[in-house]
Amino acid sequence: MSVKSTIYKILRVWNDVDAVKKGRAGKRIGRRTAGKAAGKAIRKLFK
């Protein structure tokens, strides 16, 4: 695992914790699932 991917994983967890503290976890989860779904759809289009 590269240093860059490790840093990104740490920051993702950090941002999740921050969202929970500020009460914005639902928004964050929704955006993440929407992003994953969009990525899958785009992948299917260009496959």
Protein backbone atom coordinates (compact mmCIF):
# COMPACT_ATOMS: atom_id res chain seq x y z
CA MET A 1 0.00 0.00 0.00
CA SER A 2 1.40 3.37 -0.95
CA VAL A 3 1.78 6.30 1.39
CA LYS A 4 -0.77 8.31 -0.60
CA SER A 5 -3.52 5.70 -0.29
CA THR A 6 -2.81 5.33 3.43
CA ILE A 7 -3.15 9.08 3.92
CA TYR A 8 -6.43 9.11 1.98
CA LYS A 9 -7.85 6.29 4.12
CA ILE A 10 -6.86 8.06 7.34
CA LEU A 11 -8.43 11.31 6.14
CA ARG A 12 -11.64 9.55 5.11
CA VAL A 13 -12.04 8.10 8.62
CA TRP A 14 -11.13 11.46 10.16
CA ASN A 15 -13.79 13.22 8.07
CA ASP A 16 -16.36 10.56 9.00
CA VAL A 17 -15.69 11.17 12.69
CA ASP A 18 -15.91 14.93 12.16
CA ALA A 19 -19.25 14.55 10.34
CA VAL A 20 -20.66 12.49 13.21
CA LYS A 21 -19.52 15.13 15.73
CA LYS A 22 -21.20 17.90 13.74
CA GLY A 23 -24.36 15.89 13.06
CA ARG A 24 -23.85 15.68 9.31
CA ALA A 25 -23.26 11.94 9.03
CA GLY A 26 -26.46 11.31 7.06
CA LYS A 27 -25.52 13.83 4.40
CA ARG A 28 -22.04 12.36 4.09
CA ILE A 29 -23.32 8.80 3.78
CA GLY A 30 -25.82 9.89 1.13
CA ARG A 31 -23.18 11.65 -0.92
CA ARG A 32 -20.85 8.68 -0.68
CA THR A 33 -23.44 6.18 -1.85
CA ALA A 34 -24.51 8.52 -4.66
CA GLY A 35 -20.89 8.84 -5.76
CA LYS A 36 -20.35 5.09 -5.74
CA ALA A 37 -23.54 4.51 -7.75
CA ALA A 38 -22.55 7.17 -10.28
CA GLY A 39 -19.10 5.61 -10.61
CA LYS A 40 -20.59 2.19 -11.28
CA ALA A 41 -22.98 3.61 -13.89
CA ILE A 42 -20.20 5.45 -15.69
CA ARG A 43 -18.03 2.34 -15.60
CA LYS A 44 -20.81 0.33 -17.25
CA LEU A 45 -21.21 2.96 -19.98
CA PHE A 46 -17.56 2.93 -20.98
CA LYS A 47 -16.88 -0.77 -20.58
